[in-house]
Amino acid sequence: MGCKPSKELTEAEQDAIRNKEIDTQIKQAKANSLREIKLLLLGAGESGKSTVLKQMKLIHDSGYTKEERDEFKEIIYSNTVQSMRVILEAMEAMQVSLEDEAVGNKYRDIVWALPIQIQRLSGEVTEAIRYLWKDKNLLSVYDRNQEYQLNDSAKYFFDSIDRIGDPDYTPTDQDVLRARVKTTGITETTFRMGEYTYRMFDLGGQRSERKKWIHCFENVMAVIFMVALSEFDQVLIEDEHMNRMRESLLLFDSICNSKWFKKTSIILFLNKTDIFREKIEHNHLLSETFPEFKGANTYQQASQFLLQQFLALNKESETKQIYSHFTCATDTAQMEFVMNAVSDIIIQNCLRDVGLL
């Protein structure tokens, strides 16, 4: 019993097979090109961009070694001392004296005498900051910190002064996340999430840094724009007449509707929810800086109002979606969850753009 002779393929059928193979190869090449995902991190100064980059290192890049942590010690010492000096300056400007001037002024003078950069916290300095941080008059001026420029992490480091002042101190993950260094120029962080490599670029947030680099990043796959919710009642460092939230709205408008990012996914992080909630609960009124806000001064209503201010700036809302998240960038567990959700959105949009979905 013989076999049936195989049917020879027609030329058209052979072409169809070849075309299918080429299509498969093209799709595979496109998929491979997505193995590296470029993200641009934007936002006004002190919105939390550097903290997000540190979180990516902690979550996806084996964290910080003992040597790397120790490199943050001088930054943390300087942040702590400079924050106390800022409050003491504010007390002078507001003409508020320390409770017990005889004792308090001695400790104040110890802080004043320190250089800007310090290599360690002596026992004397630790004692001075511990004493001053318990002074009721100083605390009353701290509560008015929206009236002057104070590091967000001041309270965190003051509350930890005994630990930070220990001679054997090594910064924790949270200490590293809270340490503040001004970013200038471009900072790049590379990390892996699953099968993808991410390259995240942080552009300096101060006004002088902004417009230098934007056009260089038109091929990024997504822009993560960060806003510090807590800054609704603060002014810029470089322009004391400009409200920080108003400035963020202007910047977001220019990015969201930029010709460079016409087809780029925009992800909005409304950050520093912890500080924002604390301000609202301590009766900092959103309506004082945003008279158009008519709702109750609650976290829920105030945060939703500010979110809508940003979403309303999208001039292509029918075709371009803004993906928003309320975040606390110093919360590692939350940031891991949020970045996984962001990653899913970016990958889905990229696959759709190249015709793989």
Protein backbone atom coordinates (compact mmCIF):
# COMPACT_ATOMS: atom_id res chain seq x y z
CA MET A 1 0.00 0.00 0.00
CA GLY A 2 1.75 3.15 -1.15
CA CYS A 3 1.83 6.67 0.29
CA LYS A 4 -0.09 9.49 -1.32
CA PRO A 5 2.18 11.87 -3.18
CA SER A 6 2.57 15.19 -1.30
CA LYS A 7 0.78 18.06 -2.89
CA GLU A 8 3.14 20.70 -4.23
CA LEU A 9 2.48 24.20 -3.00
CA THR A 10 1.50 26.81 -5.49
CA GLU A 11 3.61 29.93 -5.83
CA ALA A 12 0.91 31.98 -4.11
CA GLU A 13 0.85 29.60 -1.15
CA GLN A 14 4.64 29.71 -0.86
CA ASP A 15 4.52 33.53 -0.88
CA ALA A 16 1.88 33.46 1.84
CA ILE A 17 4.07 31.25 4.04
CA ARG A 18 7.11 33.47 3.45
CA ASN A 19 5.08 36.59 4.27
CA LYS A 20 3.82 34.97 7.45
CA GLU A 21 7.38 34.10 8.48
CA ILE A 22 8.52 37.67 7.76
CA ASP A 23 5.61 39.08 9.77
CA THR A 24 6.53 36.80 12.66
CA GLN A 25 10.16 37.95 12.49
CA ILE A 26 9.11 41.62 12.39
CA LYS A 27 6.83 41.15 15.40
CA GLN A 28 9.62 39.37 17.25
CA ALA A 29 12.03 42.20 16.45
CA LYS A 30 9.49 44.73 17.70
CA ALA A 31 8.95 42.72 20.87
CA ASN A 32 12.70 42.53 21.44
CA SER A 33 12.99 46.29 21.00
CA LEU A 34 10.61 46.67 23.94
CA ARG A 35 12.93 44.77 26.27
CA GLU A 36 14.42 48.15 27.19
CA ILE A 37 11.87 50.66 28.44
CA LYS A 38 12.85 54.32 28.80
CA LEU A 39 10.98 56.44 31.34
CA LEU A 40 11.28 60.16 31.93
CA LEU A 41 10.73 61.40 35.49
CA LEU A 42 9.54 65.01 35.61
CA GLY A 43 8.14 67.42 38.15
CA ALA A 44 8.95 70.59 40.06
CA GLY A 45 11.81 70.66 42.56
CA GLU A 46 11.29 68.61 45.76
CA SER A 47 8.34 66.66 44.37
CA GLY A 48 9.97 63.31 45.25
CA LYS A 49 11.65 62.25 42.01
CA SER A 50 14.97 61.28 43.60
CA THR A 51 13.10 59.25 46.22
CA VAL A 52 11.44 57.20 43.47
CA LEU A 53 14.86 56.45 41.95
CA LYS A 54 16.16 55.32 45.34
CA GLN A 55 13.11 53.08 45.73
CA MET A 56 13.83 51.43 42.39
CA LYS A 57 17.34 50.63 43.61
CA LEU A 58 15.96 49.20 46.86
CA ILE A 59 13.22 47.16 45.19
CA HIS A 60 14.79 46.04 41.92
CA ASP A 61 18.56 46.43 42.24
CA SER A 62 19.60 44.65 45.47
CA GLY A 63 19.47 47.83 47.58
CA TYR A 64 22.35 49.71 49.20
CA THR A 65 25.56 48.19 50.54
CA LYS A 66 26.96 49.20 53.94
CA GLU A 67 29.53 51.37 52.14
CA GLU A 68 26.83 53.09 50.07
CA ARG A 69 24.71 53.72 53.18
CA ASP A 70 27.67 55.23 55.00
CA GLU A 71 28.07 57.70 52.12
CA PHE A 72 24.67 59.14 53.12
CA LYS A 73 25.74 59.87 56.70
CA GLU A 74 27.19 63.31 56.02
CA ILE A 75 24.13 64.22 53.93
CA ILE A 76 21.82 63.18 56.78
CA TYR A 77 23.90 65.05 59.39
CA SER A 78 23.83 68.19 57.23
CA ASN A 79 20.09 67.83 56.51
CA THR A 80 19.41 67.57 60.25
CA VAL A 81 21.58 70.50 61.32
CA GLN A 82 20.51 72.76 58.45
CA SER A 83 16.84 72.06 59.14
CA MET A 84 17.28 73.10 62.77
CA ARG A 85 19.08 76.26 61.67
CA VAL A 86 16.24 77.09 59.27
CA ILE A 87 13.71 76.86 62.12
CA LEU A 88 15.91 79.00 64.38
CA GLU A 89 16.16 81.61 61.59
CA ALA A 90 12.37 81.53 61.24
CA MET A 91 12.02 82.09 64.99
CA GLU A 92 14.16 85.21 64.71
CA ALA A 93 12.16 86.48 61.73
CA MET A 94 8.89 85.84 63.60
CA GLN A 95 10.34 87.33 66.81
CA VAL A 96 9.67 84.17 68.82
CA SER A 97 12.05 83.34 71.69
CA LEU A 98 12.94 79.93 73.06
CA GLU A 99 11.03 78.98 76.25
CA ASP A 100 14.03 79.07 78.58
CA GLU A 101 16.33 81.55 76.87
CA ALA A 102 19.27 81.06 79.23
CA VAL A 103 19.50 77.32 78.51
CA GLY A 104 17.97 77.38 75.03
CA ASN A 105 20.32 80.04 73.67
CA LYS A 106 23.32 77.97 74.73
CA TYR A 107 22.07 75.07 72.63
CA ARG A 108 21.06 77.42 69.81
CA ASP A 109 24.62 78.80 69.68
CA ILE A 110 26.04 75.27 69.42
CA VAL A 111 23.93 74.67 66.30
CA TRP A 112 24.77 78.10 64.86
CA ALA A 113 28.51 77.48 65.25
CA LEU A 114 28.50 74.36 63.06
CA PRO A 115 29.80 74.47 59.47
CA ILE A 116 27.39 73.69 56.61
CA GLN A 117 29.05 70.34 55.89
CA ILE A 118 29.72 68.15 58.94
CA GLN A 119 31.29 64.69 59.09
CA ARG A 120 29.68 63.54 62.33
CA LEU A 121 27.21 64.54 65.03
CA SER A 122 29.03 64.97 68.34
CA GLY A 123 27.32 64.22 71.65
CA GLU A 124 27.09 67.96 72.27
CA VAL A 125 25.30 68.60 68.96
CA THR A 126 22.98 65.64 69.47
CA GLU A 127 22.05 66.95 72.92
CA ALA A 128 21.46 70.45 71.54
CA ILE A 129 19.08 69.26 68.81
CA ARG A 130 17.29 66.94 71.25
CA TYR A 131 16.73 69.86 73.66
CA LEU A 132 15.62 72.34 70.99
CA TRP A 133 13.18 69.86 69.42
CA LYS A 134 11.33 69.69 72.76
CA ASP A 135 11.01 73.48 73.07
CA LYS A 136 7.30 74.44 72.80
CA ASN A 137 7.98 77.79 71.17
CA LEU A 138 10.23 76.20 68.55
CA LEU A 139 7.56 73.58 67.87
CA SER A 140 4.98 76.32 67.33
CA VAL A 141 7.23 77.85 64.65
CA TYR A 142 7.82 74.41 63.11
CA ASP A 143 4.03 74.09 62.75
CA ARG A 144 4.12 77.21 60.54
CA ASN A 145 6.76 75.73 58.20
CA GLN A 146 4.69 76.51 55.11
CA GLU A 147 5.75 80.13 55.71
CA TYR A 148 9.43 79.35 55.09
CA GLN A 149 11.57 76.76 53.26
CA LEU A 150 12.04 73.63 55.40
CA ASN A 151 13.15 70.15 54.36
CA ASP A 152 10.19 67.69 54.45
CA SER A 153 12.33 65.22 56.39
CA ALA A 154 13.16 67.60 59.25
CA LYS A 155 10.72 66.06 61.74
CA TYR A 156 11.76 62.53 60.78
CA PHE A 157 15.45 63.23 61.49
CA PHE A 158 14.75 65.26 64.67
CA ASP A 159 12.61 62.42 66.04
CA SER A 160 15.50 60.03 65.29
CA ILE A 161 18.26 62.25 66.72
CA ASP A 162 19.49 59.75 69.35
CA ARG A 163 19.85 57.01 66.75
CA ILE A 164 21.48 59.33 64.17
CA GLY A 165 23.84 60.73 66.81
CA ASP A 166 25.07 57.29 67.87
CA PRO A 167 28.79 56.87 67.02
CA ASP A 168 28.02 53.48 65.42
CA TYR A 169 25.16 54.85 63.30
CA THR A 170 24.53 53.31 59.87
CA PRO A 171 21.67 54.81 57.80
CA THR A 172 18.61 52.60 57.30
CA ASP A 173 16.65 52.28 54.05
CA GLN A 174 14.20 54.88 55.33
CA ASP A 175 17.02 57.25 56.29
CA VAL A 176 18.45 56.98 52.77
CA LEU A 177 15.03 57.64 51.26
CA ARG A 178 14.58 60.74 53.45
CA ALA A 179 18.04 62.20 52.77
CA ARG A 180 17.81 65.25 50.53
CA VAL A 181 20.34 66.28 47.89
CA LYS A 182 19.40 68.80 45.18
CA THR A 183 19.38 67.19 41.73
CA THR A 184 20.93 69.12 38.84
CA GLY A 185 21.31 67.96 35.26
CA ILE A 186 20.23 64.42 34.38
CA THR A 187 20.36 61.39 36.68
CA GLU A 188 19.88 57.94 35.13
CA THR A 189 18.89 54.79 37.01
CA THR A 190 18.76 51.35 35.35
CA PHE A 191 16.91 48.38 36.84
CA ARG A 192 15.14 45.18 35.80
CA MET A 193 11.50 44.28 36.35
CA GLY A 194 10.77 40.75 35.13
CA GLU A 195 12.03 40.35 31.58
CA TYR A 196 12.33 44.09 30.95
CA THR A 197 15.17 46.52 31.55
CA TYR A 198 14.07 50.01 32.61
CA ARG A 199 16.10 53.19 32.15
CA MET A 200 14.65 56.00 34.23
CA PHE A 201 15.86 59.57 33.68
CA ASP A 202 15.40 62.23 36.37
CA LEU A 203 15.70 65.82 35.13
CA GLY A 204 16.56 68.58 37.60
CA GLY A 205 13.30 70.08 38.82
CA GLN A 206 14.26 73.67 39.57
CA ARG A 207 13.22 76.24 36.98
CA SER A 208 16.75 76.79 35.72
CA GLU A 209 17.10 73.09 34.85
CA ARG A 210 13.88 72.41 33.01
CA LYS A 211 13.88 73.42 29.37
CA LYS A 212 17.43 72.32 28.65
CA TRP A 213 16.76 68.66 28.02
CA ILE A 214 13.09 68.02 27.17
CA HIS A 215 13.53 67.69 23.39
CA CYS A 216 16.19 65.00 23.90
CA PHE A 217 13.61 62.58 25.29
CA GLU A 218 10.83 62.51 22.71
CA ASN A 219 11.37 58.76 22.19
CA VAL A 220 10.71 57.75 25.81
CA MET A 221 7.86 55.28 26.31
CA ALA A 222 6.29 57.11 29.24
CA VAL A 223 6.57 60.28 31.30
CA ILE A 224 6.06 59.98 35.05
CA PHE A 225 5.12 63.44 36.31
CA MET A 226 5.40 64.01 40.04
CA VAL A 227 3.51 66.56 42.12
CA ALA A 228 3.97 67.16 45.85
CA LEU A 229 0.37 67.42 47.11
CA SER A 230 1.66 68.81 50.39
CA GLU A 231 2.98 71.95 48.70
CA PHE A 232 -0.43 73.48 48.03
CA ASP A 233 0.31 76.20 50.61
CA GLN A 234 4.03 76.75 49.91
CA VAL A 235 5.98 79.04 47.58
CA LEU A 236 8.97 78.30 45.36
CA ILE A 237 12.52 78.52 46.66
CA GLU A 238 13.51 80.52 43.57
CA ASP A 239 10.37 82.74 43.50
CA GLU A 240 8.67 83.50 46.81
CA HIS A 241 5.68 85.01 44.98
CA MET A 242 4.82 81.78 43.12
CA ASN A 243 2.74 79.05 44.76
CA ARG A 244 4.38 75.64 44.29
CA MET A 245 1.18 73.85 43.27
CA ARG A 246 0.36 76.55 40.70
CA GLU A 247 3.88 76.13 39.32
CA SER A 248 3.38 72.35 39.06
CA LEU A 249 0.14 72.91 37.15
CA LEU A 250 1.93 75.18 34.66
CA LEU A 251 4.71 72.64 34.21
CA PHE A 252 2.29 69.74 33.79
CA ASP A 253 0.37 71.72 31.17
CA SER A 254 3.56 72.27 29.18
CA ILE A 255 4.56 68.58 29.40
CA CYS A 256 1.16 66.96 28.89
CA ASN A 257 0.44 69.05 25.80
CA SER A 258 4.00 69.17 24.45
CA LYS A 259 4.60 68.24 20.81
CA TRP A 260 7.48 66.06 22.05
CA PHE A 261 5.11 63.84 24.05
CA LYS A 262 2.07 63.76 21.79
CA LYS A 263 2.04 59.94 21.65
CA THR A 264 3.73 59.27 25.00
CA SER A 265 1.93 57.73 27.98
CA ILE A 266 1.61 60.26 30.81
CA ILE A 267 1.52 58.92 34.37
CA LEU A 268 0.71 61.37 37.18
CA PHE A 269 1.97 60.72 40.71
CA LEU A 270 0.27 62.92 43.31
CA ASN A 271 2.96 62.43 45.92
CA LYS A 272 3.57 63.16 49.62
CA THR A 273 0.06 62.08 50.58
CA ASP A 274 1.25 61.52 54.17
CA ILE A 275 2.32 65.16 54.65
CA PHE A 276 -0.74 66.41 52.74
CA ARG A 277 -3.08 64.42 55.00
CA GLU A 278 -1.31 65.75 58.11
CA LYS A 279 -1.65 69.35 56.91
CA ILE A 280 -5.34 68.97 56.10
CA GLU A 281 -6.01 67.35 59.48
CA HIS A 282 -4.18 70.24 61.18
CA ASN A 283 -6.57 72.66 59.48
CA HIS A 284 -4.35 73.99 56.69
CA LEU A 285 -7.09 75.28 54.39
CA LEU A 286 -6.84 74.44 50.69
CA SER A 287 -9.31 77.24 49.94
CA GLU A 288 -6.79 79.85 51.14
CA THR A 289 -4.52 79.15 48.16
CA PHE A 290 -7.24 77.76 45.84
CA PRO A 291 -10.33 79.96 46.44
CA GLU A 292 -12.15 78.00 43.71
CA PHE A 293 -12.20 74.97 46.03
CA LYS A 294 -15.67 74.91 47.62
CA GLY A 295 -15.63 71.44 49.17
CA ALA A 296 -15.06 70.31 52.74
CA ASN A 297 -11.44 70.58 53.91
CA THR A 298 -11.01 66.80 54.09
CA TYR A 299 -8.24 64.66 52.63
CA GLN A 300 -10.65 62.97 50.20
CA GLN A 301 -12.28 66.11 48.81
CA ALA A 302 -9.11 68.22 48.75
CA SER A 303 -7.00 65.53 47.03
CA GLN A 304 -9.70 64.84 44.42
CA PHE A 305 -10.02 68.55 43.70
CA LEU A 306 -6.28 68.86 43.04
CA LEU A 307 -6.29 65.73 40.86
CA GLN A 308 -9.05 67.23 38.71
CA GLN A 309 -7.04 70.46 38.30
CA PHE A 310 -4.30 68.43 36.59
CA LEU A 311 -6.57 66.19 34.53
CA ALA A 312 -8.45 69.23 33.21
CA LEU A 313 -5.24 70.48 31.55
CA ASN A 314 -5.17 67.56 29.09
CA LYS A 315 -6.17 69.11 25.74
CA GLU A 316 -6.37 65.69 24.04
CA SER A 317 -8.53 64.01 26.66
CA GLU A 318 -10.63 62.18 24.05
CA THR A 319 -7.61 60.33 22.67
CA LYS A 320 -4.98 60.61 25.40
CA GLN A 321 -5.49 59.19 28.88
CA ILE A 322 -3.66 60.38 31.99
CA TYR A 323 -2.97 57.53 34.43
CA SER A 324 -2.97 58.89 38.00
CA HIS A 325 -1.83 57.49 41.34
CA PHE A 326 -1.79 58.95 44.85
CA THR A 327 1.61 58.08 46.30
CA CYS A 328 3.90 58.30 49.29
CA ALA A 329 7.33 57.79 47.72
CA THR A 330 8.97 56.92 51.05
CA ASP A 331 6.62 53.91 51.45
CA THR A 332 8.51 51.04 49.79
CA ALA A 333 5.63 48.55 49.75
CA GLN A 334 3.27 51.08 48.17
CA MET A 335 5.81 52.17 45.57
CA GLU A 336 6.49 48.56 44.56
CA PHE A 337 2.74 48.03 44.03
CA VAL A 338 2.33 51.31 42.11
CA MET A 339 5.36 50.72 39.87
CA ASN A 340 4.13 47.23 39.00
CA ALA A 341 0.81 48.77 37.92
CA VAL A 342 2.65 51.48 35.96
CA SER A 343 4.83 48.86 34.28
CA ASP A 344 1.76 46.91 33.14
CA ILE A 345 0.24 50.07 31.63
CA ILE A 346 3.46 51.01 29.81
CA ILE A 347 4.02 47.54 28.38
CA GLN A 348 0.40 47.21 27.22
CA ASN A 349 0.52 50.61 25.51
CA CYS A 350 3.87 49.89 23.87
CA LEU A 351 2.71 46.51 22.54
CA ARG A 352 -0.44 48.17 21.18
CA ASP A 353 1.60 50.91 19.51
CA VAL A 354 3.76 48.41 17.60
CA GLY A 355 0.77 46.26 16.61
CA LEU A 356 1.41 43.34 18.93
CA LEU A 357 -1.96 43.65 20.67
